């Protein structure tokens, strides 16, 4: 699950509150995820049900439109099961 940190339609804090309501334990707390030449693409938090919530730095509601390079890197890592 991901949210742009500049999303004004569904702010990442709202997504985070929804996840918190699910009562999953945090397995891996906030850490940066990287793309390109070692740039921070956002931050991730992993929960006990193997769900990962990622923020996309500088992105709005439609991530691929606002930050295509970061979103492509995040998607590629996800389908390749990489951190």
N, C-alpha and C. Protein backbone atom coordinates (compact mmCIF):
# COMPACT_ATOMS: atom_id res chain seq x y z
N UNK A 1 0.85 -1.14 0.00
CA UNK A 1 0.00 0.00 0.00
C UNK A 1 0.91 1.22 0.00
N UNK A 2 0.53 2.26 -0.74
CA UNK A 2 1.38 3.45 -0.79
C UNK A 2 0.52 4.71 -0.82
N UNK A 3 1.15 5.79 -0.39
CA UNK A 3 0.52 7.11 -0.42
C UNK A 3 1.58 8.15 -0.72
N UNK A 4 1.22 9.12 -1.54
CA UNK A 4 2.11 10.25 -1.76
C UNK A 4 2.10 11.15 -0.53
N UNK A 5 3.26 11.67 -0.16
CA UNK A 5 3.28 12.51 1.04
C UNK A 5 2.74 13.92 0.79
N UNK A 6 2.40 14.22 -0.47
CA UNK A 6 1.75 15.50 -0.80
C UNK A 6 0.32 15.28 -1.30
N UNK A 7 -0.24 14.13 -1.02
CA UNK A 7 -1.59 13.78 -1.47
C UNK A 7 -2.62 14.55 -0.65
N UNK A 8 -3.38 15.41 -1.30
CA UNK A 8 -4.42 16.18 -0.62
C UNK A 8 -5.79 15.51 -0.72
N UNK A 9 -5.91 14.48 -1.56
CA UNK A 9 -7.18 13.77 -1.71
C UNK A 9 -7.33 12.75 -0.58
N UNK A 10 -6.33 11.89 -0.42
CA UNK A 10 -6.28 10.93 0.68
C UNK A 10 -4.90 11.08 1.33
N UNK A 11 -4.76 11.98 2.28
CA UNK A 11 -3.46 12.23 2.89
C UNK A 11 -2.88 10.95 3.51
N UNK A 12 -1.56 10.83 3.46
CA UNK A 12 -0.93 9.61 3.97
C UNK A 12 -1.23 9.40 5.45
N UNK A 13 -1.50 10.45 6.19
CA UNK A 13 -1.85 10.31 7.60
C UNK A 13 -3.20 9.59 7.74
N UNK A 14 -4.10 9.79 6.80
CA UNK A 14 -5.39 9.08 6.83
C UNK A 14 -5.20 7.60 6.53
N UNK A 15 -4.35 7.30 5.56
CA UNK A 15 -4.05 5.90 5.25
C UNK A 15 -3.39 5.24 6.45
N UNK A 16 -2.48 5.95 7.08
CA UNK A 16 -1.80 5.42 8.25
C UNK A 16 -2.79 5.17 9.39
N UNK A 17 -3.75 6.06 9.59
CA UNK A 17 -4.77 5.88 10.63
C UNK A 17 -5.63 4.65 10.34
N UNK A 18 -5.98 4.45 9.07
CA UNK A 18 -6.76 3.28 8.68
C UNK A 18 -5.99 2.00 8.99
N UNK A 19 -4.71 1.98 8.65
CA UNK A 19 -3.88 0.81 8.92
C UNK A 19 -3.79 0.58 10.43
N UNK A 20 -3.60 1.64 11.19
CA UNK A 20 -3.52 1.52 12.65
C UNK A 20 -4.78 0.87 13.21
N UNK A 21 -5.94 1.17 12.63
CA UNK A 21 -7.21 0.60 13.09
C UNK A 21 -7.28 -0.91 12.85
N UNK A 22 -6.45 -1.44 11.98
CA UNK A 22 -6.42 -2.88 11.72
C UNK A 22 -5.71 -3.65 12.83
N UNK A 23 -4.99 -2.94 13.68
CA UNK A 23 -4.29 -3.52 14.84
C UNK A 23 -3.22 -4.55 14.49
N UNK A 24 -2.53 -4.36 13.38
CA UNK A 24 -1.41 -5.23 13.04
C UNK A 24 -0.17 -4.74 13.79
N UNK A 25 0.65 -5.67 14.21
CA UNK A 25 1.91 -5.32 14.88
C UNK A 25 2.90 -4.81 13.85
N UNK A 26 3.74 -3.88 14.26
CA UNK A 26 4.79 -3.35 13.39
C UNK A 26 5.99 -4.29 13.48
N UNK A 27 6.45 -4.77 12.32
CA UNK A 27 7.59 -5.67 12.25
C UNK A 27 8.86 -4.88 11.94
N UNK A 28 8.77 -3.94 11.04
CA UNK A 28 9.91 -3.12 10.63
C UNK A 28 9.43 -1.68 10.61
N UNK A 29 9.91 -0.87 11.56
CA UNK A 29 9.43 0.50 11.68
C UNK A 29 9.98 1.37 10.55
N UNK A 30 9.56 2.61 10.52
CA UNK A 30 9.89 3.53 9.43
C UNK A 30 11.36 3.48 9.05
N UNK A 31 11.59 3.32 7.77
CA UNK A 31 12.94 3.36 7.20
C UNK A 31 12.83 3.91 5.79
N UNK A 32 13.89 4.52 5.28
CA UNK A 32 13.82 5.04 3.91
C UNK A 32 13.89 3.92 2.89
N UNK A 33 13.29 4.16 1.73
CA UNK A 33 13.52 3.29 0.58
C UNK A 33 14.18 4.16 -0.49
N UNK A 34 15.01 3.53 -1.30
CA UNK A 34 15.91 4.26 -2.20
C UNK A 34 15.58 3.97 -3.66
N UNK A 35 15.93 4.91 -4.52
CA UNK A 35 15.79 4.72 -5.96
C UNK A 35 16.90 5.50 -6.65
N UNK A 36 17.08 5.23 -7.93
CA UNK A 36 18.05 5.97 -8.74
C UNK A 36 19.45 5.95 -8.16
N UNK A 37 20.05 7.12 -8.06
CA UNK A 37 21.43 7.24 -7.56
C UNK A 37 21.47 7.44 -6.05
N UNK A 38 20.81 6.57 -5.32
CA UNK A 38 20.83 6.64 -3.86
C UNK A 38 19.96 7.73 -3.27
N UNK A 39 18.91 8.11 -3.99
CA UNK A 39 18.00 9.14 -3.48
C UNK A 39 16.88 8.49 -2.68
N UNK A 40 16.43 9.18 -1.64
CA UNK A 40 15.32 8.68 -0.83
C UNK A 40 14.04 8.85 -1.64
N UNK A 41 13.33 7.74 -1.85
CA UNK A 41 12.07 7.78 -2.59
C UNK A 41 10.87 7.95 -1.69
N UNK A 42 11.06 7.72 -0.40
CA UNK A 42 10.00 7.81 0.59
C UNK A 42 10.38 6.95 1.78
N UNK A 43 9.38 6.51 2.52
CA UNK A 43 9.62 5.73 3.73
C UNK A 43 8.65 4.56 3.78
N UNK A 44 9.08 3.45 4.40
CA UNK A 44 8.23 2.27 4.51
C UNK A 44 8.11 1.82 5.96
N UNK A 45 7.02 1.13 6.21
CA UNK A 45 6.78 0.48 7.50
C UNK A 45 6.12 -0.85 7.17
N UNK A 46 6.61 -1.94 7.77
CA UNK A 46 6.09 -3.27 7.49
C UNK A 46 5.35 -3.80 8.72
N UNK A 47 4.24 -4.47 8.45
CA UNK A 47 3.37 -4.99 9.51
C UNK A 47 3.38 -6.51 9.54
N UNK A 48 2.84 -7.07 10.63
CA UNK A 48 2.89 -8.52 10.88
C UNK A 48 2.15 -9.35 9.84
N UNK A 49 1.23 -8.79 9.12
CA UNK A 49 0.50 -9.55 8.10
C UNK A 49 1.20 -9.50 6.74
N UNK A 50 2.47 -9.07 6.73
CA UNK A 50 3.30 -8.94 5.54
C UNK A 50 2.86 -7.77 4.66
N UNK A 51 2.09 -6.86 5.21
CA UNK A 51 1.70 -5.66 4.48
C UNK A 51 2.77 -4.59 4.72
N UNK A 52 3.13 -3.92 3.66
CA UNK A 52 4.06 -2.80 3.77
C UNK A 52 3.36 -1.54 3.31
N UNK A 53 3.49 -0.50 4.10
CA UNK A 53 2.97 0.81 3.76
C UNK A 53 4.15 1.67 3.36
N UNK A 54 4.09 2.26 2.19
CA UNK A 54 5.18 3.11 1.70
C UNK A 54 4.65 4.49 1.38
N UNK A 55 5.44 5.50 1.74
CA UNK A 55 5.14 6.85 1.28
C UNK A 55 6.02 7.13 0.08
N UNK A 56 5.55 7.99 -0.79
CA UNK A 56 6.33 8.39 -1.96
C UNK A 56 6.61 9.88 -1.80
N UNK A 57 7.88 10.19 -1.63
CA UNK A 57 8.31 11.56 -1.36
C UNK A 57 7.98 12.49 -2.52
N UNK A 58 7.26 13.57 -2.21
CA UNK A 58 6.95 14.58 -3.21
C UNK A 58 5.79 14.24 -4.13
N UNK A 59 5.10 13.13 -3.86
CA UNK A 59 4.04 12.68 -4.76
C UNK A 59 2.67 13.11 -4.27
N UNK A 60 1.78 13.32 -5.22
CA UNK A 60 0.38 13.63 -4.93
C UNK A 60 -0.46 12.37 -4.99
N UNK A 61 -1.74 12.54 -5.27
CA UNK A 61 -2.69 11.42 -5.24
C UNK A 61 -2.43 10.37 -6.32
N UNK A 62 -2.05 10.79 -7.50
CA UNK A 62 -1.74 9.84 -8.57
C UNK A 62 -0.23 9.80 -8.75
N UNK A 63 0.39 8.91 -7.99
CA UNK A 63 1.84 8.86 -7.90
C UNK A 63 2.57 8.79 -9.22
N UNK A 64 2.11 7.94 -10.11
CA UNK A 64 2.78 7.80 -11.40
C UNK A 64 2.81 9.08 -12.21
N UNK A 65 1.86 9.94 -12.00
CA UNK A 65 1.80 11.22 -12.70
C UNK A 65 2.77 12.22 -12.08
N UNK A 66 2.86 12.24 -10.76
CA UNK A 66 3.69 13.22 -10.07
C UNK A 66 5.15 12.80 -9.97
N UNK A 67 5.39 11.54 -9.68
CA UNK A 67 6.76 11.04 -9.46
C UNK A 67 6.95 9.69 -10.16
N UNK A 68 6.97 9.69 -11.48
CA UNK A 68 7.03 8.41 -12.20
C UNK A 68 8.28 7.59 -11.92
N UNK A 69 9.43 8.24 -11.78
CA UNK A 69 10.66 7.48 -11.55
C UNK A 69 10.62 6.75 -10.20
N UNK A 70 10.18 7.46 -9.16
CA UNK A 70 10.09 6.83 -7.85
C UNK A 70 9.05 5.71 -7.85
N UNK A 71 7.90 5.96 -8.45
CA UNK A 71 6.83 4.95 -8.47
C UNK A 71 7.23 3.72 -9.26
N UNK A 72 7.93 3.91 -10.36
CA UNK A 72 8.40 2.76 -11.14
C UNK A 72 9.39 1.95 -10.33
N UNK A 73 10.32 2.62 -9.64
CA UNK A 73 11.30 1.92 -8.81
C UNK A 73 10.60 1.16 -7.68
N UNK A 74 9.62 1.79 -7.05
CA UNK A 74 8.90 1.14 -5.95
C UNK A 74 8.14 -0.09 -6.47
N UNK A 75 7.46 0.04 -7.59
CA UNK A 75 6.71 -1.07 -8.17
C UNK A 75 7.65 -2.21 -8.56
N UNK A 76 8.78 -1.87 -9.18
CA UNK A 76 9.75 -2.88 -9.59
C UNK A 76 10.27 -3.65 -8.38
N UNK A 77 10.59 -2.93 -7.30
CA UNK A 77 11.05 -3.60 -6.08
C UNK A 77 9.96 -4.50 -5.51
N UNK A 78 8.72 -4.03 -5.55
CA UNK A 78 7.61 -4.81 -4.98
C UNK A 78 7.41 -6.12 -5.74
N UNK A 79 7.35 -6.07 -7.08
CA UNK A 79 7.12 -7.30 -7.85
C UNK A 79 8.33 -8.23 -7.82
N UNK A 80 9.52 -7.67 -7.50
CA UNK A 80 10.73 -8.49 -7.40
C UNK A 80 10.98 -8.95 -5.96
N UNK A 81 10.07 -8.60 -5.05
CA UNK A 81 10.19 -8.94 -3.63
C UNK A 81 11.50 -8.45 -3.02
N UNK A 82 11.85 -7.21 -3.35
CA UNK A 82 13.06 -6.59 -2.81
C UNK A 82 12.67 -5.53 -1.78
N UNK A 83 13.56 -5.28 -0.81
CA UNK A 83 13.24 -4.25 0.20
C UNK A 83 13.25 -2.85 -0.36
